[in-house]
Amino acid sequence: MPLIKSKFTLLITFAATTFIVTPLQVTAASTEGMRAAYTCAEQPKFIPKVGMQQPVAIDTQQSLFAGLVVKELRPPKRVFRHPSWDQTGYLASTVRDAEGNIYAVPTPSIGLDKNPLERRNYVYKVDSASGQMQVFSTLPVREESTQANPFGTLGLTLDCDTKVLFVSTVADSTPSKINGVIYRVALSNGEVLSKWSGVDAIGLGIFDHGDGKRLYYGDARSSSVWSVALNQSGDFQQPIEPVHEFSLLGLKNGNSTQVRKIRFRKDRQHGFVMVASETEFAYRLTARGVKPYRHYKFIRDKDNQRWQHIGFE
């Protein structure tokens, strides 16, 4: 199919990805009743319209551009950007819903020229059909927030059952004060449904253990991952009682880094697997380097009902 020459922009690039898996002997728990909450993601409908060939990746971490790109994973490995995507600056997490709409949150990198402070608590939406990006939700920010902390939204995940986004922000925090919030945002209209205040979180992920869902989050101030229970309607179970799951620093060959992304997936050998991706975060802007951050792999150990580290990928 020929590429469409219209208001879209097409660029060419090359990319390669290497995965390393180190298996260990751990007894996996029974997966009966267990499932990941984010399983509804569909490919955006605009991708074939602009002549991109599957498989493709939706990427915010590449070095050529600030923000979102769609790139082919097979030759000629072309890259596509819609003109409206220039408004966001650098981005962190993205998720997709059952219609193929993309949701993304901005996170500055080396400066604020592309990520101004007034936009740090936005959630963006890319329309599945057209590729057009617009502001989907503007989360509250106190007026006295300053450049002492240039960050806002950091983490993002989707509960496909309730059609609700979970968004973490540290916009009102400082390097010495925790004022972060995790919001529940309606997928239908971008309105805030509820919030949990007093938590600085980066990576987010939801897993149903069969007897209820838990929201997992990476602590922005340490290498720890915590979780809290969600009730039957998908809201925060009251009273909110965080449970410490693990610390990257406490693992064999672990780091003092933070967890920027949490994913759950079905694995033929181990049942369900959690993958926690690391980053370095310290409430200050740093250049995006070439350091190869790692992806920690865990399975649910049936003996102690805890997440057991089994290697990297």
C-alpha atoms as a PDB file:
ATOM      1  CA  MET A   1       0.000   0.000   0.000  1.00  0.00           C
ATOM      2  CA  PRO A   2       1.562   3.350  -0.950  1.00  0.00           C
ATOM      3  CA  LEU A   3       2.180   5.981   1.664  1.00  0.00           C
ATOM      4  CA  ILE A   4      -0.377   8.777   1.717  1.00  0.00           C
ATOM      5  CA  LYS A   5       1.074  12.220   1.156  1.00  0.00           C
ATOM      6  CA  SER A   6      -1.249  14.606   2.964  1.00  0.00           C
ATOM      7  CA  LYS A   7      -1.206  16.488   6.264  1.00  0.00           C
ATOM      8  CA  PHE A   8       0.746  13.600   7.825  1.00  0.00           C
ATOM      9  CA  THR A   9       4.529  13.526   8.101  1.00  0.00           C
ATOM     10  CA  LEU A  10       6.598  10.436   7.222  1.00  0.00           C
ATOM     11  CA  LEU A  11      10.198   9.928   8.303  1.00  0.00           C
ATOM     12  CA  ILE A  12      12.689   7.096   7.970  1.00  0.00           C
ATOM     13  CA  THR A  13      14.754   5.567  10.773  1.00  0.00           C
ATOM     14  CA  PHE A  14      16.319   2.275  11.863  1.00  0.00           C
ATOM     15  CA  ALA A  15      16.024   0.520  15.184  1.00  0.00           C
ATOM     16  CA  ALA A  16      17.025  -2.713  16.923  1.00  0.00           C
ATOM     17  CA  THR A  17      15.925  -4.263  20.196  1.00  0.00           C
ATOM     18  CA  THR A  18      17.608  -7.051  22.172  1.00  0.00           C
ATOM     19  CA  PHE A  19      15.968  -9.059  24.959  1.00  0.00           C
ATOM     20  CA  ILE A  20      17.897 -11.098  27.496  1.00  0.00           C
ATOM     21  CA  VAL A  21      16.032 -13.597  29.683  1.00  0.00           C
ATOM     22  CA  THR A  22      17.637 -15.240  32.707  1.00  0.00           C
ATOM     23  CA  PRO A  23      15.396 -18.039  34.047  1.00  0.00           C
ATOM     24  CA  LEU A  24      15.472 -19.285  37.646  1.00  0.00           C
ATOM     25  CA  GLN A  25      13.728 -22.222  39.313  1.00  0.00           C
ATOM     26  CA  VAL A  26      10.680 -20.888  41.178  1.00  0.00           C
ATOM     27  CA  THR A  27       7.329 -22.588  41.667  1.00  0.00           C
ATOM     28  CA  ALA A  28       4.606 -20.463  40.092  1.00  0.00           C
ATOM     29  CA  ALA A  29       1.257 -19.990  41.777  1.00  0.00           C
ATOM     30  CA  SER A  30      -1.941 -21.307  40.263  1.00  0.00           C
ATOM     31  CA  THR A  31      -3.349 -18.734  37.853  1.00  0.00           C
ATOM     32  CA  GLU A  32      -6.982 -19.685  38.400  1.00  0.00           C
ATOM     33  CA  GLY A  33      -9.010 -16.482  38.641  1.00  0.00           C
ATOM     34  CA  MET A  34      -5.961 -14.276  38.044  1.00  0.00           C
ATOM     35  CA  ARG A  35      -5.754 -11.792  35.187  1.00  0.00           C
ATOM     36  CA  ALA A  36      -4.223  -8.499  34.154  1.00  0.00           C
ATOM     37  CA  ALA A  37      -6.626  -5.531  34.150  1.00  0.00           C
ATOM     38  CA  TYR A  38      -5.047  -3.885  31.079  1.00  0.00           C
ATOM     39  CA  THR A  39      -5.787  -6.325  28.263  1.00  0.00           C
ATOM     40  CA  CYS A  40      -8.047  -4.346  25.922  1.00  0.00           C
ATOM     41  CA  ALA A  41      -5.424  -2.377  23.964  1.00  0.00           C
ATOM     42  CA  GLU A  42      -6.099  -2.258  20.205  1.00  0.00           C
ATOM     43  CA  GLN A  43      -4.017  -0.795  17.396  1.00  0.00           C
ATOM     44  CA  PRO A  44      -5.071   2.707  16.288  1.00  0.00           C
ATOM     45  CA  LYS A  45      -7.163   2.763  13.130  1.00  0.00           C
ATOM     46  CA  PHE A  46      -5.098   5.554  11.560  1.00  0.00           C
ATOM     47  CA  ILE A  47      -1.984   3.355  11.241  1.00  0.00           C
ATOM     48  CA  PRO A  48      -2.999   1.477   8.041  1.00  0.00           C
ATOM     49  CA  LYS A  49      -4.499   4.693   6.647  1.00  0.00           C
ATOM     50  CA  VAL A  50      -1.044   6.279   6.471  1.00  0.00           C
ATOM     51  CA  GLY A  51       0.543   3.205   4.894  1.00  0.00           C
ATOM     52  CA  MET A  52       2.417   1.868   7.900  1.00  0.00           C
ATOM     53  CA  GLN A  53       2.935  -1.891   7.817  1.00  0.00           C
ATOM     54  CA  GLN A  54       2.485  -4.130  10.858  1.00  0.00           C
ATOM     55  CA  PRO A  55       4.112  -4.851  13.210  1.00  0.00           C
ATOM     56  CA  VAL A  56       4.572  -1.321  14.567  1.00  0.00           C
ATOM     57  CA  ALA A  57       5.598   0.140  17.928  1.00  0.00           C
ATOM     58  CA  ILE A  58       4.156   3.218  19.619  1.00  0.00           C
ATOM     59  CA  ASP A  59       7.249   4.791  21.125  1.00  0.00           C
ATOM     60  CA  THR A  60       7.948   7.748  23.426  1.00  0.00           C
ATOM     61  CA  GLN A  61      11.521   6.838  24.385  1.00  0.00           C
ATOM     62  CA  GLN A  62      13.303   7.134  21.045  1.00  0.00           C
ATOM     63  CA  SER A  63      15.990   9.812  20.668  1.00  0.00           C
ATOM     64  CA  LEU A  64      15.114  11.395  17.304  1.00  0.00           C
ATOM     65  CA  PHE A  65      12.090  13.390  18.448  1.00  0.00           C
ATOM     66  CA  ALA A  66      10.499  14.745  21.605  1.00  0.00           C
ATOM     67  CA  GLY A  67       7.272  12.855  22.136  1.00  0.00           C
ATOM     68  CA  LEU A  68       5.285  10.227  20.318  1.00  0.00           C
ATOM     69  CA  VAL A  69       6.214   8.312  17.172  1.00  0.00           C
ATOM     70  CA  VAL A  70       4.861   5.199  15.481  1.00  0.00           C
ATOM     71  CA  LYS A  71       7.598   3.088  13.938  1.00  0.00           C
ATOM     72  CA  GLU A  72       7.670  -0.047  11.824  1.00  0.00           C
ATOM     73  CA  LEU A  73       9.587  -2.943  13.349  1.00  0.00           C
ATOM     74  CA  ARG A  74      10.530  -4.499   9.994  1.00  0.00           C
ATOM     75  CA  PRO A  75      12.381  -2.941   7.050  1.00  0.00           C
ATOM     76  CA  PRO A  76      12.198  -0.248   5.845  1.00  0.00           C
ATOM     77  CA  LYS A  77      11.452   0.693   9.518  1.00  0.00           C
ATOM     78  CA  ARG A  78       9.707   3.941   8.724  1.00  0.00           C
ATOM     79  CA  VAL A  79       8.576   6.388  11.429  1.00  0.00           C
ATOM     80  CA  PHE A  80       5.329   8.352  11.430  1.00  0.00           C
ATOM     81  CA  ARG A  81       4.407  11.527  13.321  1.00  0.00           C
ATOM     82  CA  HIS A  82       1.174  13.473  13.073  1.00  0.00           C
ATOM     83  CA  PRO A  83       1.730  17.268  13.129  1.00  0.00           C
ATOM     84  CA  SER A  84      -0.469  17.643  16.234  1.00  0.00           C
ATOM     85  CA  TRP A  85       1.941  15.493  18.244  1.00  0.00           C
ATOM     86  CA  ASP A  86       4.484  18.331  18.384  1.00  0.00           C
ATOM     87  CA  GLN A  87       2.445  20.053  21.135  1.00  0.00           C
ATOM     88  CA  THR A  88       3.308  17.589  23.894  1.00  0.00           C
ATOM     89  CA  GLY A  89       7.059  17.770  24.273  1.00  0.00           C
ATOM     90  CA  TYR A  90       8.591  14.714  25.910  1.00  0.00           C
ATOM     91  CA  LEU A  91       6.210  11.979  27.030  1.00  0.00           C
ATOM     92  CA  ALA A  92       6.318   9.169  29.560  1.00  0.00           C
ATOM     93  CA  SER A  93       3.673   6.453  29.700  1.00  0.00           C
ATOM     94  CA  THR A  94       1.090   5.592  27.050  1.00  0.00           C
ATOM     95  CA  VAL A  95      -1.887   3.229  27.073  1.00  0.00           C
ATOM     96  CA  ARG A  96      -4.492   2.299  24.446  1.00  0.00           C
ATOM     97  CA  ASP A  97      -8.149   1.503  24.885  1.00  0.00           C
ATOM     98  CA  ALA A  98     -10.405  -1.008  23.121  1.00  0.00           C
ATOM     99  CA  GLU A  99     -11.038   1.477  20.275  1.00  0.00           C
ATOM    100  CA  GLY A 100      -7.344   2.097  19.643  1.00  0.00           C
ATOM    101  CA  ASN A 101      -7.266   5.589  21.156  1.00  0.00           C
ATOM    102  CA  ILE A 102      -3.874   6.446  22.699  1.00  0.00           C
ATOM    103  CA  TYR A 103      -3.520   8.216  26.059  1.00  0.00           C
ATOM    104  CA  ALA A 104      -0.221   9.793  27.092  1.00  0.00           C
ATOM    105  CA  VAL A 105       1.246  11.961  29.843  1.00  0.00           C
ATOM    106  CA  PRO A 106       4.018  14.567  29.436  1.00  0.00           C
ATOM    107  CA  THR A 107       7.296  14.326  31.325  1.00  0.00           C
ATOM    108  CA  PRO A 108      10.139  16.838  30.755  1.00  0.00           C
ATOM    109  CA  SER A 109      13.667  15.731  29.990  1.00  0.00           C
ATOM    110  CA  ILE A 110      16.567  18.171  29.644  1.00  0.00           C
ATOM    111  CA  GLY A 111      14.588  21.433  29.844  1.00  0.00           C
ATOM    112  CA  LEU A 112      11.204  23.107  29.968  1.00  0.00           C
ATOM    113  CA  ASP A 113      11.225  24.628  26.479  1.00  0.00           C
ATOM    114  CA  LYS A 114       9.241  21.673  25.129  1.00  0.00           C
ATOM    115  CA  ASN A 115       7.435  20.871  28.383  1.00  0.00           C
ATOM    116  CA  PRO A 116       6.259  24.154  29.986  1.00  0.00           C
ATOM    117  CA  LEU A 117       5.192  24.023  33.626  1.00  0.00           C
ATOM    118  CA  GLU A 118       1.579  24.921  32.860  1.00  0.00           C
ATOM    119  CA  ARG A 119       1.174  21.670  30.909  1.00  0.00           C
ATOM    120  CA  ARG A 120       2.798  19.316  33.393  1.00  0.00           C
ATOM    121  CA  ASN A 121      -0.497  17.882  34.682  1.00  0.00           C
ATOM    122  CA  TYR A 122      -2.120  17.160  31.317  1.00  0.00           C
ATOM    123  CA  VAL A 123      -3.341  13.861  29.945  1.00  0.00           C
ATOM    124  CA  TYR A 124      -3.355  13.745  26.109  1.00  0.00           C
ATOM    125  CA  LYS A 125      -5.506  11.635  23.814  1.00  0.00           C
ATOM    126  CA  VAL A 126      -4.717  10.592  20.243  1.00  0.00           C
ATOM    127  CA  ASP A 127      -7.873   9.822  18.271  1.00  0.00           C
ATOM    128  CA  SER A 128      -7.781   6.298  16.863  1.00  0.00           C
ATOM    129  CA  ALA A 129      -9.369   7.210  13.540  1.00  0.00           C
ATOM    130  CA  SER A 130      -7.618  10.480  12.683  1.00  0.00           C
ATOM    131  CA  GLY A 131      -4.383  10.445  14.694  1.00  0.00           C
ATOM    132  CA  GLN A 132      -5.216  13.930  15.983  1.00  0.00           C
ATOM    133  CA  MET A 133      -3.923  14.668  19.492  1.00  0.00           C
ATOM    134  CA  GLN A 134      -5.823  16.818  21.979  1.00  0.00           C
ATOM    135  CA  VAL A 135      -5.773  17.503  25.718  1.00  0.00           C
ATOM    136  CA  PHE A 136      -8.024  14.874  27.283  1.00  0.00           C
ATOM    137  CA  SER A 137      -7.871  15.849  30.955  1.00  0.00           C
ATOM    138  CA  THR A 138      -6.261  18.665  32.962  1.00  0.00           C
ATOM    139  CA  LEU A 139      -5.539  17.571  36.511  1.00  0.00           C
ATOM    140  CA  PRO A 140      -5.471  20.123  39.356  1.00  0.00           C
ATOM    141  CA  VAL A 141      -2.249  21.948  40.264  1.00  0.00           C
ATOM    142  CA  ARG A 142      -1.798  24.330  43.173  1.00  0.00           C
ATOM    143  CA  GLU A 143      -0.890  27.866  42.039  1.00  0.00           C
ATOM    144  CA  GLU A 144       2.171  28.032  44.286  1.00  0.00           C
ATOM    145  CA  SER A 145       3.902  25.150  42.509  1.00  0.00           C
ATOM    146  CA  THR A 146       7.251  26.330  41.122  1.00  0.00           C
ATOM    147  CA  GLN A 147      10.279  25.153  39.204  1.00  0.00           C
ATOM    148  CA  ALA A 148      11.585  23.542  42.399  1.00  0.00           C
ATOM    149  CA  ASN A 149       9.915  20.468  40.884  1.00  0.00           C
ATOM    150  CA  PRO A 150       9.339  20.599  37.101  1.00  0.00           C
ATOM    151  CA  PHE A 151       7.444  17.288  36.991  1.00  0.00           C
ATOM    152  CA  GLY A 152       3.741  16.519  37.021  1.00  0.00           C
ATOM    153  CA  THR A 153       2.088  13.433  35.529  1.00  0.00           C
ATOM    154  CA  LEU A 154       4.380  10.410  35.553  1.00  0.00           C
ATOM    155  CA  GLY A 155       2.442   7.140  35.593  1.00  0.00           C
ATOM    156  CA  LEU A 156      -0.528   5.843  33.619  1.00  0.00           C
ATOM    157  CA  THR A 157      -2.514   2.625  33.413  1.00  0.00           C
ATOM    158  CA  LEU A 158      -5.998   1.548  32.347  1.00  0.00           C
ATOM    159  CA  ASP A 159      -8.570  -0.655  34.024  1.00  0.00           C
ATOM    160  CA  CYS A 160     -10.350  -2.097  30.996  1.00  0.00           C
ATOM    161  CA  ASP A 161     -13.232  -3.470  33.084  1.00  0.00           C
ATOM    162  CA  THR A 162     -14.289  -0.129  34.549  1.00  0.00           C
ATOM    163  CA  LYS A 163     -12.989   2.012  31.644  1.00  0.00           C
ATOM    164  CA  VAL A 164     -11.009   4.184  34.042  1.00  0.00           C
ATOM    165  CA  LEU A 165      -7.501   5.626  33.716  1.00  0.00           C
ATOM    166  CA  PHE A 166      -5.237   5.733  36.762  1.00  0.00           C
ATOM    167  CA  VAL A 167      -2.834   8.693  36.550  1.00  0.00           C
ATOM    168  CA  SER A 168      -0.064   9.548  39.027  1.00  0.00           C
ATOM    169  CA  THR A 169       1.294  13.065  39.429  1.00  0.00           C
ATOM    170  CA  VAL A 170       3.935  14.716  41.624  1.00  0.00           C
ATOM    171  CA  ALA A 171       3.127  18.264  40.482  1.00  0.00           C
ATOM    172  CA  ASP A 172       2.627  19.583  44.039  1.00  0.00           C
ATOM    173  CA  SER A 173       5.549  17.687  45.557  1.00  0.00           C
ATOM    174  CA  THR A 174       9.062  18.958  46.235  1.00  0.00           C
ATOM    175  CA  PRO A 175      12.324  17.020  46.670  1.00  0.00           C
ATOM    176  CA  SER A 176      11.658  17.034  50.425  1.00  0.00           C
ATOM    177  CA  LYS A 177       7.845  16.914  50.603  1.00  0.00           C
ATOM    178  CA  ILE A 178       5.368  14.271  49.407  1.00  0.00           C
ATOM    179  CA  ASN A 179       2.234  15.857  47.912  1.00  0.00           C
ATOM    180  CA  GLY A 180       1.626  13.495  45.003  1.00  0.00           C
ATOM    181  CA  VAL A 181      -1.759  12.158  43.917  1.00  0.00           C
ATOM    182  CA  ILE A 182      -3.075   9.135  42.023  1.00  0.00           C
ATOM    183  CA  TYR A 183      -6.254  10.077  40.138  1.00  0.00           C
ATOM    184  CA  ARG A 184      -8.986   7.897  38.667  1.00  0.00           C
ATOM    185  CA  VAL A 185     -10.124   9.505  35.408  1.00  0.00           C
ATOM    186  CA  ALA A 186     -13.216   8.458  33.431  1.00  0.00           C
ATOM    187  CA  LEU A 187     -12.382   7.222  29.946  1.00  0.00           C
ATOM    188  CA  SER A 188     -15.717   8.564  28.677  1.00  0.00           C
ATOM    189  CA  ASN A 189     -15.094  12.263  29.357  1.00  0.00           C
ATOM    190  CA  GLY A 190     -11.778  12.838  31.181  1.00  0.00           C
ATOM    191  CA  GLU A 191     -13.422  13.781  34.475  1.00  0.00           C
ATOM    192  CA  VAL A 192     -11.780  12.933  37.805  1.00  0.00           C
ATOM    193  CA  LEU A 193     -13.788  10.242  39.618  1.00  0.00           C
ATOM    194  CA  SER A 194     -11.690   9.942  42.780  1.00  0.00           C
ATOM    195  CA  LYS A 195      -8.153  10.398  44.045  1.00  0.00           C
ATOM    196  CA  TRP A 196      -5.623   9.193  46.589  1.00  0.00           C
ATOM    197  CA  SER A 197      -3.455  12.014  47.951  1.00  0.00           C
ATOM    198  CA  GLY A 198      -0.101  11.840  49.704  1.00  0.00           C
ATOM    199  CA  VAL A 199       1.689   9.359  47.460  1.00  0.00           C
ATOM    200  CA  ASP A 200       4.512  10.051  44.980  1.00  0.00           C
ATOM    201  CA  ALA A 201       4.276   7.293  42.373  1.00  0.00           C
ATOM    202  CA  ILE A 202       5.778   6.664  38.934  1.00  0.00           C
ATOM    203  CA  GLY A 203       4.932   3.330  37.303  1.00  0.00           C
ATOM    204  CA  LEU A 204       1.376   1.986  37.683  1.00  0.00           C
ATOM    205  CA  GLY A 205      -0.209  -1.384  36.944  1.00  0.00           C
ATOM    206  CA  ILE A 206      -3.362  -3.280  37.980  1.00  0.00           C
ATOM    207  CA  PHE A 207      -3.603  -7.016  38.578  1.00  0.00           C
ATOM    208  CA  ASP A 208      -6.629  -9.123  39.545  1.00  0.00           C
ATOM    209  CA  HIS A 209      -5.557 -11.848  41.964  1.00  0.00           C
ATOM    210  CA  GLY A 210      -8.865 -13.687  41.711  1.00  0.00           C
ATOM    211  CA  ASP A 211     -10.072 -12.407  45.069  1.00  0.00           C
ATOM    212  CA  GLY A 212      -9.793  -8.744  44.074  1.00  0.00           C
ATOM    213  CA  LYS A 213      -7.734  -6.216  42.155  1.00  0.00           C
ATOM    214  CA  ARG A 214      -4.670  -4.405  43.404  1.00  0.00           C
ATOM    215  CA  LEU A 215      -3.068  -1.248  42.045  1.00  0.00           C
ATOM    216  CA  TYR A 216       0.731  -1.606  41.963  1.00  0.00           C
ATOM    217  CA  TYR A 217       2.914   1.501  41.924  1.00  0.00           C
ATOM    218  CA  GLY A 218       6.605   2.347  41.844  1.00  0.00           C
ATOM    219  CA  ASP A 219       7.687   4.716  44.618  1.00  0.00           C
ATOM    220  CA  ALA A 220       9.174   7.922  43.178  1.00  0.00           C
ATOM    221  CA  ARG A 221      11.532   8.249  46.156  1.00  0.00           C
ATOM    222  CA  SER A 222      12.938   4.724  46.400  1.00  0.00           C
ATOM    223  CA  SER A 223      13.350   1.488  44.485  1.00  0.00           C
ATOM    224  CA  SER A 224      10.264  -0.016  46.117  1.00  0.00           C
ATOM    225  CA  VAL A 225       7.035  -1.242  44.572  1.00  0.00           C
ATOM    226  CA  TRP A 226       3.876  -1.081  46.676  1.00  0.00           C
ATOM    227  CA  SER A 227       0.251  -2.084  46.118  1.00  0.00           C
ATOM    228  CA  VAL A 228      -3.195  -1.078  47.383  1.00  0.00           C
ATOM    229  CA  ALA A 229      -6.519  -2.902  47.152  1.00  0.00           C
ATOM    230  CA  LEU A 230      -9.307  -1.776  44.814  1.00  0.00           C
ATOM    231  CA  ASN A 231     -12.951  -2.455  45.610  1.00  0.00           C
ATOM    232  CA  GLN A 232     -15.517  -4.141  43.358  1.00  0.00           C
ATOM    233  CA  SER A 233     -16.282  -0.880  41.553  1.00  0.00           C
ATOM    234  CA  GLY A 234     -12.575  -0.307  40.861  1.00  0.00           C
ATOM    235  CA  ASP A 235     -12.148   2.537  43.358  1.00  0.00           C
ATOM    236  CA  PHE A 236      -9.587   2.661  46.174  1.00  0.00           C
ATOM    237  CA  GLN A 237     -10.564   0.267  48.968  1.00  0.00           C
ATOM    238  CA  GLN A 238     -11.044   2.196  52.212  1.00  0.00           C
ATOM    239  CA  PRO A 239      -9.124   2.513  54.380  1.00  0.00           C
ATOM    240  CA  ILE A 240      -6.186   2.651  51.965  1.00  0.00           C
ATOM    241  CA  GLU A 241      -3.476   0.341  53.306  1.00  0.00           C
ATOM    242  CA  PRO A 242      -0.345   0.114  51.108  1.00  0.00           C
ATOM    243  CA  VAL A 243       1.508  -3.214  51.074  1.00  0.00           C
ATOM    244  CA  HIS A 244       5.237  -3.332  50.333  1.00  0.00           C
ATOM    245  CA  GLU A 245       5.841  -5.836  47.511  1.00  0.00           C
ATOM    246  CA  PHE A 246       9.584  -5.635  46.873  1.00  0.00           C
ATOM    247  CA  SER A 247      12.553  -3.312  46.446  1.00  0.00           C
ATOM    248  CA  LEU A 248      14.845  -3.417  43.407  1.00  0.00           C
ATOM    249  CA  LEU A 249      17.774  -2.613  45.665  1.00  0.00           C
ATOM    250  CA  GLY A 250      17.019  -5.689  47.769  1.00  0.00           C
ATOM    251  CA  LEU A 251      17.196  -8.057  44.792  1.00  0.00           C
ATOM    252  CA  LYS A 252      20.231  -9.921  43.538  1.00  0.00           C
ATOM    253  CA  ASN A 253      22.042  -7.561  41.123  1.00  0.00           C
ATOM    254  CA  GLY A 254      19.358  -4.960  41.819  1.00  0.00           C
ATOM    255  CA  ASN A 255      19.708  -1.180  41.630  1.00  0.00           C
ATOM    256  CA  SER A 256      18.630   1.832  43.681  1.00  0.00           C
ATOM    257  CA  THR A 257      16.634   3.002  40.654  1.00  0.00           C
ATOM    258  CA  GLN A 258      12.886   3.688  40.569  1.00  0.00           C
ATOM    259  CA  VAL A 259      10.215   1.662  38.722  1.00  0.00           C
ATOM    260  CA  ARG A 260       8.808   3.700  35.821  1.00  0.00           C
ATOM    261  CA  LYS A 261       6.574   1.028  34.270  1.00  0.00           C
ATOM    262  CA  ILE A 262       4.730  -2.069  35.535  1.00  0.00           C
ATOM    263  CA  ARG A 263       3.292  -4.651  33.129  1.00  0.00           C
ATOM    264  CA  PHE A 264       1.512  -7.957  33.635  1.00  0.00           C
ATOM    265  CA  ARG A 265       1.239 -10.670  31.010  1.00  0.00           C
ATOM    266  CA  LYS A 266       0.384 -14.343  30.648  1.00  0.00           C
ATOM    267  CA  ASP A 267       3.398 -16.627  30.341  1.00  0.00           C
ATOM    268  CA  ARG A 268       3.211 -20.215  29.095  1.00  0.00           C
ATOM    269  CA  GLN A 269       5.855 -21.440  31.509  1.00  0.00           C
ATOM    270  CA  HIS A 270       5.205 -19.357  34.623  1.00  0.00           C
ATOM    271  CA  GLY A 271       1.543 -18.359  34.478  1.00  0.00           C
ATOM    272  CA  PHE A 272       1.385 -14.612  34.995  1.00  0.00           C
ATOM    273  CA  VAL A 273       4.529 -12.497  34.913  1.00  0.00           C
ATOM    274  CA  MET A 274       5.146  -8.993  36.214  1.00  0.00           C
ATOM    275  CA  VAL A 275       7.750  -6.884  34.418  1.00  0.00           C
ATOM    276  CA  ALA A 276       9.050  -3.802  36.261  1.00  0.00           C
ATOM    277  CA  SER A 277      11.105  -1.360  34.166  1.00  0.00           C
ATOM    278  CA  GLU A 278      13.612   0.834  35.975  1.00  0.00           C
ATOM    279  CA  THR A 279      14.590   4.481  35.601  1.00  0.00           C
ATOM    280  CA  GLU A 280      16.421   7.175  37.574  1.00  0.00           C
ATOM    281  CA  PHE A 281      14.271   9.908  39.102  1.00  0.00           C
ATOM    282  CA  ALA A 282      15.249  12.662  41.556  1.00  0.00           C
ATOM    283  CA  TYR A 283      12.822  15.594  40.993  1.00  0.00           C
ATOM    284  CA  ARG A 284      15.305  17.352  38.727  1.00  0.00           C
ATOM    285  CA  LEU A 285      15.853  17.510  34.980  1.00  0.00           C
ATOM    286  CA  THR A 286      18.576  15.313  33.512  1.00  0.00           C
ATOM    287  CA  ALA A 287      19.661  14.586  29.970  1.00  0.00           C
ATOM    288  CA  ARG A 288      18.340  11.410  28.414  1.00  0.00           C
ATOM    289  CA  GLY A 289      21.368   9.190  28.250  1.00  0.00           C
ATOM    290  CA  VAL A 290      22.157   5.874  26.642  1.00  0.00           C
ATOM    291  CA  LYS A 291      22.315   3.876  29.885  1.00  0.00           C
ATOM    292  CA  PRO A 292      20.641   0.501  29.281  1.00  0.00           C
ATOM    293  CA  TYR A 293      17.941   0.411  31.957  1.00  0.00           C
ATOM    294  CA  ARG A 294      16.765  -3.061  32.853  1.00  0.00           C
ATOM    295  CA  HIS A 295      13.401  -4.811  32.975  1.00  0.00           C
ATOM    296  CA  TYR A 296      12.994  -6.964  36.096  1.00  0.00           C
ATOM    297  CA  LYS A 297      10.902 -10.119  35.703  1.00  0.00           C
ATOM    298  CA  PHE A 298       8.785 -11.605  38.511  1.00  0.00           C
ATOM    299  CA  ILE A 299       6.363 -14.487  38.965  1.00  0.00           C
ATOM    300  CA  ARG A 300       3.880 -15.126  41.756  1.00  0.00           C
ATOM    301  CA  ASP A 301       5.362 -17.703  44.133  1.00  0.00           C
ATOM    302  CA  LYS A 302       2.648 -20.139  45.252  1.00  0.00           C
ATOM    303  CA  ASP A 303       4.311 -20.886  48.593  1.00  0.00           C
ATOM    304  CA  ASN A 304       4.389 -17.367  50.014  1.00  0.00           C
ATOM    305  CA  GLN A 305       2.016 -15.563  47.613  1.00  0.00           C
ATOM    306  CA  ARG A 306       4.680 -12.955  46.856  1.00  0.00           C
ATOM    307  CA  TRP A 307       6.257 -11.735  43.635  1.00  0.00           C
ATOM    308  CA  GLN A 308       9.520 -13.616  43.131  1.00  0.00           C
ATOM    309  CA  HIS A 309      12.311 -12.134  41.011  1.00  0.00           C
ATOM    310  CA  ILE A 310      13.427 -14.641  38.346  1.00  0.00           C
ATOM    311  CA  GLY A 311      15.738 -12.538  36.180  1.00  0.00           C
ATOM    312  CA  PHE A 312      15.762  -9.829  33.516  1.00  0.00           C
ATOM    313  CA  GLU A 313      14.516  -9.377  29.981  1.00  0.00           C
END
